[in-house]
Protein backbone atom coordinates (compact mmCIF):
# COMPACT_ATOMS: atom_id res chain seq x y z
CA MET A 1 25.34 21.03 -29.01
CA ILE A 2 22.02 22.46 -28.56
CA THR A 3 20.14 23.07 -31.29
CA ILE A 4 16.87 25.08 -30.69
CA ASP A 5 13.62 24.74 -32.66
CA LYS A 6 10.93 27.24 -31.49
CA ALA A 7 8.14 25.16 -32.41
CA GLN A 8 9.24 21.79 -31.94
CA GLY A 9 11.71 22.42 -29.01
CA ALA A 10 15.33 21.45 -27.94
CA MET A 11 16.84 18.41 -29.77
CA TRP A 12 19.69 16.52 -27.95
CA PRO A 13 22.10 14.18 -29.12
CA GLY A 14 20.30 10.80 -30.08
CA GLY A 15 16.98 12.74 -31.46
CA ARG A 16 15.17 13.20 -28.17
CA ARG A 17 12.90 16.29 -28.10
CA GLY A 18 13.62 18.18 -24.93
CA PRO A 19 11.53 21.76 -23.78
CA THR A 20 10.14 24.02 -25.77
CA GLY A 21 12.49 26.67 -27.54
CA LEU A 22 9.74 29.27 -25.90
CA LEU A 23 9.85 27.58 -22.27
CA LEU A 24 14.08 27.71 -22.89
CA ALA A 25 13.82 31.39 -23.62
CA CYS A 26 12.02 32.44 -20.29
CA LEU A 27 14.35 30.37 -18.33
CA ILE A 28 17.72 31.58 -19.85
CA PRO A 29 17.43 35.54 -20.33
CA ALA A 30 19.42 36.81 -23.27
CA ALA A 31 21.25 39.30 -20.85
CA LEU A 32 21.04 39.09 -16.95
CA PRO A 33 18.55 41.88 -15.11
CA ALA A 34 20.49 44.76 -13.68
CA GLN A 35 19.90 43.91 -10.47
CA GLU A 36 21.58 41.08 -11.39
CA ARG A 37 25.12 41.63 -12.41
CA HIS A 38 25.70 44.08 -9.64
CA ALA A 39 25.57 40.53 -7.69
CA VAL A 40 29.00 40.00 -9.70
CA THR A 41 30.98 41.42 -6.32
CA ARG A 42 29.37 39.50 -4.12
CA PRO A 43 31.95 36.78 -3.01
CA ALA A 44 31.64 33.47 -1.75
CA HIS A 45 35.03 32.37 -2.16
CA THR A 46 34.96 28.53 -1.48
CA PHE A 47 35.28 24.78 -2.06
CA SER A 48 32.26 22.62 -3.02
CA ILE A 49 31.13 19.20 -4.38
CA VAL A 50 28.37 17.88 -5.97
CA ALA A 51 27.48 14.32 -6.42
CA VAL A 52 24.99 11.42 -6.87
CA ASP A 53 25.39 8.43 -5.65
CA SER A 54 25.32 5.74 -8.15
CA ALA A 55 24.01 3.14 -5.83
CA THR A 56 20.89 5.00 -4.13
CA GLY A 57 20.43 7.55 -6.28
CA GLN A 58 21.08 10.25 -4.06
CA ILE A 59 21.87 13.71 -4.82
CA GLY A 60 24.08 16.15 -2.67
CA VAL A 61 26.10 19.12 -2.66
CA ALA A 62 28.49 20.57 0.28
CA VAL A 63 30.40 23.38 0.56
CA GLN A 64 32.77 25.30 3.22
CA SER A 65 33.88 28.80 3.32
CA HIS A 66 35.42 31.60 5.06
CA TRP A 67 32.22 33.99 4.70
CA PHE A 68 29.19 34.00 6.46
CA SER A 69 25.87 31.58 5.90
CA VAL A 70 27.75 30.24 2.89
CA GLY A 71 24.75 27.38 2.20
CA GLY A 72 22.19 29.78 2.02
CA SER A 73 23.45 31.09 -1.79
CA VAL A 74 26.10 28.53 -3.02
CA ALA A 75 24.18 25.04 -2.26
CA TRP A 76 21.10 23.77 -4.49
CA ALA A 77 19.09 20.60 -4.85
CA GLU A 78 15.88 19.20 -5.94
CA PRO A 79 14.65 15.33 -5.71
CA GLY A 80 14.96 13.47 -8.70
CA VAL A 81 16.27 16.84 -10.76
CA GLY A 82 20.11 17.53 -9.21
CA ALA A 83 22.40 19.62 -8.01
CA VAL A 84 23.92 23.09 -8.09
CA ALA A 85 26.86 24.88 -6.65
CA THR A 86 27.48 28.47 -7.47
CA GLN A 87 30.46 30.48 -6.02
CA ALA A 88 33.51 33.23 -6.40
CA PHE A 89 31.46 35.72 -7.35
CA ILE A 90 28.65 34.38 -7.07
CA LEU A 91 25.37 34.83 -8.75
CA PRO A 92 22.41 32.79 -7.07
CA ALA A 93 20.37 33.00 -9.75
CA TYR A 94 22.09 30.02 -11.17
CA GLY A 95 20.57 27.39 -8.28
CA PRO A 96 17.22 27.83 -9.20
CA ARG A 97 18.03 28.60 -12.70
CA GLY A 98 19.73 25.29 -13.16
CA LEU A 99 17.35 22.86 -11.22
CA ALA A 100 14.65 24.80 -13.30
CA LEU A 101 16.47 23.98 -16.94
CA MET A 102 17.50 20.04 -15.48
CA ARG A 103 13.71 19.72 -14.32
CA SER A 104 12.77 20.22 -17.96
CA GLY A 105 15.21 17.78 -19.59
CA LEU A 106 18.61 19.26 -20.18
CA THR A 107 21.31 17.52 -18.83
CA GLY A 108 23.41 19.35 -15.69
CA PRO A 109 26.40 20.22 -18.24
CA GLN A 110 24.27 21.28 -20.97
CA ALA A 111 22.13 23.60 -18.65
CA LEU A 112 25.26 24.65 -16.96
CA ARG A 113 26.79 26.02 -20.52
CA ALA A 114 23.21 27.52 -21.12
CA LEU A 115 23.22 30.01 -18.29
CA LEU A 116 26.49 30.64 -18.71
CA ALA A 117 26.64 31.50 -22.15
CA ALA A 118 23.88 34.79 -20.94
CA ASP A 119 26.15 35.89 -18.29
CA PRO A 120 28.01 38.29 -19.32
CA ASP A 121 30.34 37.84 -16.26
CA SER A 122 31.03 33.95 -16.85
CA GLU A 123 34.59 34.74 -16.32
CA VAL A 124 34.27 35.89 -12.41
CA ARG A 125 32.29 32.91 -11.83
CA GLN A 126 33.05 28.95 -10.14
CA LEU A 127 30.13 26.36 -10.42
CA ALA A 128 28.80 23.15 -10.80
CA MET A 129 25.70 21.45 -12.32
CA ILE A 130 25.07 17.67 -11.94
CA ASP A 131 21.87 15.48 -13.27
CA ALA A 132 20.18 12.96 -11.29
CA ARG A 133 21.55 10.71 -13.96
CA GLY A 134 25.10 12.03 -13.57
CA ASN A 135 25.83 13.77 -16.27
CA VAL A 136 27.95 16.96 -14.37
CA LEU A 137 30.40 19.75 -15.56
CA SER A 138 32.12 21.94 -13.60
CA HIS A 139 33.48 25.93 -14.60
CA THR A 140 35.75 27.64 -13.42
CA GLY A 141 35.98 31.30 -14.74
CA SER A 142 39.34 32.93 -15.45
CA ARG A 143 39.26 35.68 -13.17
CA THR A 144 38.32 33.58 -10.15
CA ILE A 145 40.85 34.20 -7.46
CA ALA A 146 43.92 31.48 -7.29
CA GLU A 147 44.18 28.70 -6.46
CA ALA A 148 41.19 28.07 -8.67
CA GLY A 149 40.53 24.72 -9.83
CA GLY A 150 37.95 22.07 -9.91
CA HIS A 151 38.03 18.16 -11.20
CA ILE A 152 35.44 16.09 -12.77
CA GLY A 153 35.07 12.21 -11.56
CA ARG A 154 32.60 10.04 -12.53
CA TRP A 155 29.36 10.89 -10.38
CA TYR A 156 30.87 14.17 -9.16
CA ALA A 157 32.51 17.26 -9.63
CA THR A 158 34.79 19.26 -7.15
CA GLN A 159 35.58 22.63 -7.21
CA ALA A 160 37.38 25.55 -5.44
CA ASN A 161 39.25 29.12 -5.38
CA THR A 162 41.16 31.14 -3.11
CA MET A 163 42.79 28.10 -2.05
CA ARG A 164 46.18 28.18 -0.20
CA ARG A 165 47.17 25.47 -2.41
CA ASN A 166 46.08 24.09 -5.83
CA THR A 167 46.22 20.35 -4.63
CA VAL A 168 42.61 21.19 -3.27
CA TRP A 169 40.16 20.08 -5.69
CA ALA A 170 41.74 16.36 -7.29
CA ALA A 171 42.17 15.89 -2.75
CA MET A 172 38.11 16.09 -2.43
CA GLY A 173 37.86 13.59 -5.66
CA ARG A 174 40.27 10.97 -4.15
CA ALA A 175 38.50 10.93 -1.09
CA PHE A 176 34.61 10.83 -2.40
CA GLU A 177 35.81 7.99 -4.69
CA THR A 178 37.77 6.00 -1.46
CA THR A 179 35.37 6.88 1.11
CA ARG A 180 32.98 4.05 2.34
CA GLY A 181 29.46 4.95 3.32
CA ASP A 182 26.27 6.94 2.40
CA LEU A 183 26.83 9.99 0.25
CA ALA A 184 26.31 12.15 3.06
CA ASP A 185 29.56 10.18 4.36
CA ARG A 186 31.14 11.12 1.34
CA LEU A 187 30.43 14.85 1.03
CA LEU A 188 31.47 15.20 4.45
CA ALA A 189 34.82 13.47 3.27
CA ALA A 190 35.38 15.15 0.40
CA LEU A 191 35.27 18.48 2.66
CA ASP A 192 37.40 17.05 5.09
CA SER A 193 40.41 16.47 2.67
CA ALA A 194 40.04 20.04 1.39
CA GLN A 195 40.66 21.57 4.72
CA ALA A 196 43.50 18.99 5.12
CA GLN A 197 45.31 20.19 1.87
CA GLY A 198 44.95 23.82 3.41
CA GLY A 199 41.80 25.06 2.49
CA ASP A 200 40.23 28.48 2.23
CA ILE A 201 43.68 30.73 2.34
CA ARG A 202 41.14 32.97 4.53
CA GLY A 203 40.48 30.79 7.15
CA ARG A 204 37.03 28.50 8.19
CA GLN A 205 33.75 30.02 9.19
CA SER A 206 30.41 28.55 7.34
CA ALA A 207 29.49 24.84 5.98
CA ALA A 208 26.53 23.67 4.53
CA ILE A 209 25.01 20.02 3.06
CA ILE A 210 22.08 19.03 1.16
CA VAL A 211 21.44 15.83 0.35
CA VAL A 212 17.66 14.70 -1.76
CA SER A 213 16.56 11.72 -3.15
CA GLY A 214 16.82 10.55 -6.53
CA ASP A 215 12.96 9.90 -6.83
CA ARG A 216 11.80 12.37 -8.99
CA THR A 217 8.47 11.88 -7.78
CA ALA A 218 9.38 12.90 -4.33
CA PRO A 219 8.17 16.75 -3.20
CA PRO A 220 10.48 19.04 -4.47
CA TRP A 221 11.42 20.52 -0.62
CA GLU A 222 11.54 17.12 0.71
CA ARG A 223 15.45 16.45 2.02
CA ILE A 224 17.21 13.41 3.42
CA PHE A 225 19.63 16.29 4.98
CA ASP A 226 19.88 19.90 4.98
CA LEU A 227 22.26 21.38 7.18
CA ARG A 228 23.98 24.36 7.55
CA VAL A 229 26.87 25.94 10.01
CA GLU A 230 26.65 29.50 9.71
CA ASP A 231 29.43 30.80 11.97
CA SER A 232 31.80 28.43 13.49
CA PRO A 233 35.51 28.18 14.38
CA ASP A 234 35.30 24.84 13.06
CA PRO A 235 32.46 24.22 10.95
CA LEU A 236 33.43 21.06 9.18
CA GLY A 237 33.28 19.65 13.06
CA GLU A 238 30.25 21.10 13.81
CA LEU A 239 28.88 20.14 10.15
CA ARG A 240 29.73 16.59 11.29
CA ARG A 241 27.47 16.32 14.40
CA LEU A 242 24.90 17.99 13.02
CA VAL A 243 24.77 15.20 10.35
CA HIS A 244 25.24 12.93 13.14
CA VAL A 245 22.17 14.56 14.90
CA ALA A 246 19.87 14.42 12.33
CA ARG A 247 20.79 10.55 11.57
CA ALA A 248 18.90 10.12 14.61
CA TYR A 249 15.88 12.34 14.00
CA ARG A 250 15.80 10.64 10.88
CA LEU A 251 15.00 7.17 12.76
CA ALA A 252 13.01 8.73 15.18
CA THR A 253 10.74 10.01 12.13
CA GLN A 254 10.97 6.59 10.55
CA GLY A 255 9.76 4.95 13.97
CA ASP A 256 6.81 7.54 14.09
CA ASP A 257 6.07 6.30 9.93
CA TYR A 258 6.10 2.64 11.26
CA THR A 259 4.14 3.54 14.04
CA THR A 260 1.54 5.08 11.46
CA ALA A 261 1.42 2.04 9.22
CA GLY A 262 0.90 -0.04 12.24
CA LYS A 263 4.17 -1.81 12.20
CA ILE A 264 5.23 -1.56 15.76
CA ASP A 265 7.93 -3.94 16.03
CA SER A 266 9.50 -2.23 13.48
CA ALA A 267 8.65 1.45 15.23
CA MET A 268 10.62 0.26 18.22
CA LEU A 269 13.65 -1.05 16.51
CA SER A 270 13.73 2.53 15.04
CA TYR A 271 12.84 4.46 18.38
CA ALA A 272 15.45 2.26 20.35
CA ALA A 273 18.21 2.93 17.60
CA ALA A 274 17.68 7.00 17.32
CA THR A 275 17.94 6.96 21.19
CA ALA A 276 21.07 4.78 21.09
CA MET A 277 22.89 7.59 18.63
CA LEU A 278 22.34 10.26 21.38
CA PRO A 279 22.86 10.63 24.72
CA ASP A 280 19.51 11.82 27.01
CA SER A 281 21.09 15.10 27.88
CA ALA A 282 21.79 16.12 24.02
CA VAL A 283 18.22 16.18 23.58
CA ASN A 284 16.52 16.80 26.66
CA GLY A 285 15.04 13.59 27.00
CA GLU A 286 12.94 13.78 23.50
CA LEU A 287 13.91 10.72 21.73
CA VAL A 288 13.11 8.26 25.00
CA TYR A 289 9.96 10.38 25.58
CA TRP A 290 8.61 9.32 22.46
CA HIS A 291 9.44 6.10 22.52
CA ALA A 292 7.94 5.73 25.99
CA VAL A 293 4.52 7.61 24.80
CA THR A 294 4.38 4.98 21.96
CA LEU A 295 5.02 1.94 23.94
CA ALA A 296 2.08 3.57 26.53
CA ASP A 297 -0.13 4.09 23.87
CA ARG A 298 0.09 0.40 22.65
CA GLY A 299 -0.91 -0.68 26.19
CA HIS A 300 2.71 -1.60 27.02
CA VAL A 301 3.04 0.99 30.53
CA ASP A 302 5.63 -1.17 32.24
CA GLU A 303 7.82 -1.56 29.47
CA SER A 304 7.64 2.68 29.13
CA LEU A 305 8.32 3.30 32.65
CA PRO A 306 11.88 3.05 32.50
CA LEU A 307 12.13 5.22 28.99
CA PHE A 308 9.67 7.72 30.94
CA ARG A 309 12.00 7.18 33.79
CA ARG A 310 14.95 8.38 31.68
CA ALA A 311 12.99 11.54 29.99
CA PHE A 312 11.43 13.14 33.27
CA ALA A 313 15.30 13.17 34.93
CA GLN A 314 16.34 15.72 32.53
CA ASP A 315 13.58 17.50 32.54
CA THR A 316 9.93 17.07 34.54
CA ALA A 317 8.00 19.13 32.49
CA TRP A 318 7.86 16.29 30.36
CA ALA A 319 5.38 14.61 32.75
CA THR A 320 3.32 17.88 32.59
CA LEU A 321 2.78 17.52 28.60
CA LEU A 322 1.96 13.76 29.19
CA TRP A 323 -1.79 15.09 30.64
CA ARG A 324 -1.73 17.03 27.54
CA LEU A 325 -1.58 14.08 24.83
CA PRO A 326 -5.07 12.43 25.13
CA ARG A 327 -6.99 15.17 24.05
CA SER A 328 -4.44 15.45 20.85
CA GLY A 329 -4.97 11.92 20.06
CA LEU A 330 -0.76 11.09 20.88
CA LEU A 331 -1.80 8.71 24.25
CA HIS A 332 -4.88 6.82 24.51
CA ALA A 333 -4.16 6.35 28.29
CA ASP A 334 -6.84 6.88 30.98
CA SER A 335 -5.92 9.62 34.40
CA ALA A 336 -4.84 6.68 36.25
CA THR A 337 -2.44 5.10 33.97
CA ILE A 338 -1.17 8.71 33.12
CA ALA A 339 -0.84 9.49 37.20
CA ARG A 340 0.90 5.86 37.59
CA ILE A 341 3.65 6.65 34.74
CA VAL A 342 4.11 9.99 36.39
CA ARG A 343 3.92 8.92 39.81
CA GLU A 344 6.32 5.50 39.19
CA ALA A 345 8.54 7.32 36.60
CA GLY A 346 8.94 11.01 38.12
CA PRO A 347 12.21 11.79 40.09
CA PRO A 348 11.80 10.44 43.61
CA THR A 349 10.56 12.60 46.27
CA PRO A 350 13.62 13.58 48.70
CA PRO A 351 13.79 12.04 52.08
CA PRO A 352 12.92 14.77 54.82
CA GLN A 353 16.38 16.61 56.16
CA ASN A 354 16.80 15.13 59.97
CA ARG A 355 16.91 18.61 61.96
CA GLY A 356 17.36 17.48 65.15
CA HIS A 357 16.12 18.12 68.19
CA THR A 358 15.79 22.14 67.22
CA THR A 359 12.56 23.47 67.60
CA VAL A 360 11.49 26.02 65.61
CA ARG A 361 8.55 28.47 66.78
CA ARG A 362 6.24 30.52 64.22
CA HIS A 363 5.20 33.87 65.30
């Protein structure tokens, strides 16, 4: 139970003071604006999970639906604050408002109950909120389309509507609890388990995943993963592929950060791990290219040549770009060194064709 005093603020169990009544009044409108009430008929029938990784503190939300671009409306998360999934006959405002309430000091369950109390159409909504400490609550309105329901476990909640079977949300919970790996792995496993139970009765179309840090000091826009599949016959397969690609690029970015900090040995390890995750053809040679540039910038030209050769084999435009990098401060090398790299790592010149004894006369 939350009690509000406009002067002193909200009083949580245990006597802890929360945000002031004035702030809560701003965040929880007495009645929703007319344009938001119209959103009651906007469908986002789907299955989703919100969760916190108890080991790392990471916070996440993942979703799949037979509806175009479901991630932009359903999934919300903020570092160190929490995550929200808002679905069924969707009101996207639950996302930013839920995060604002949790940021102000409410727990996930308190924020959810407060917003539901202000929504005259709460019985057509389905949503879940989890805060950074793992306090979580899921709501399934009585007028959501069957099969519909939710499951709350330690550090997570699953919810689904318009499902083929009523086993979906419990199966998602089991998968999340038993899967090893980081939070993204476990969220993906929960989605896969829902689909294995039959998933959305209408089929598959889009999916999304957001994972953020549990660090409250991180910028609100910072994401570990923020990936969407807008329209696909296999959205979960594509989402899993994108997570794999994102992991490679995160390693490459980590390499850049190490380079900036002067930790070159660590940077090389990160770059090598990134390039090992994806074939050169999948990224047009880019990951191996920047690995090579870093080596050359540090004077390790001989070591860089095999990597440049791989990049140039994908696209000769990388050689053209190399000449432009010194001006931007990304490569400290003179023209002779760049010319050597382009010459030795570039594609071999094809041998002249043997034209026999044919004589060509130009008139």
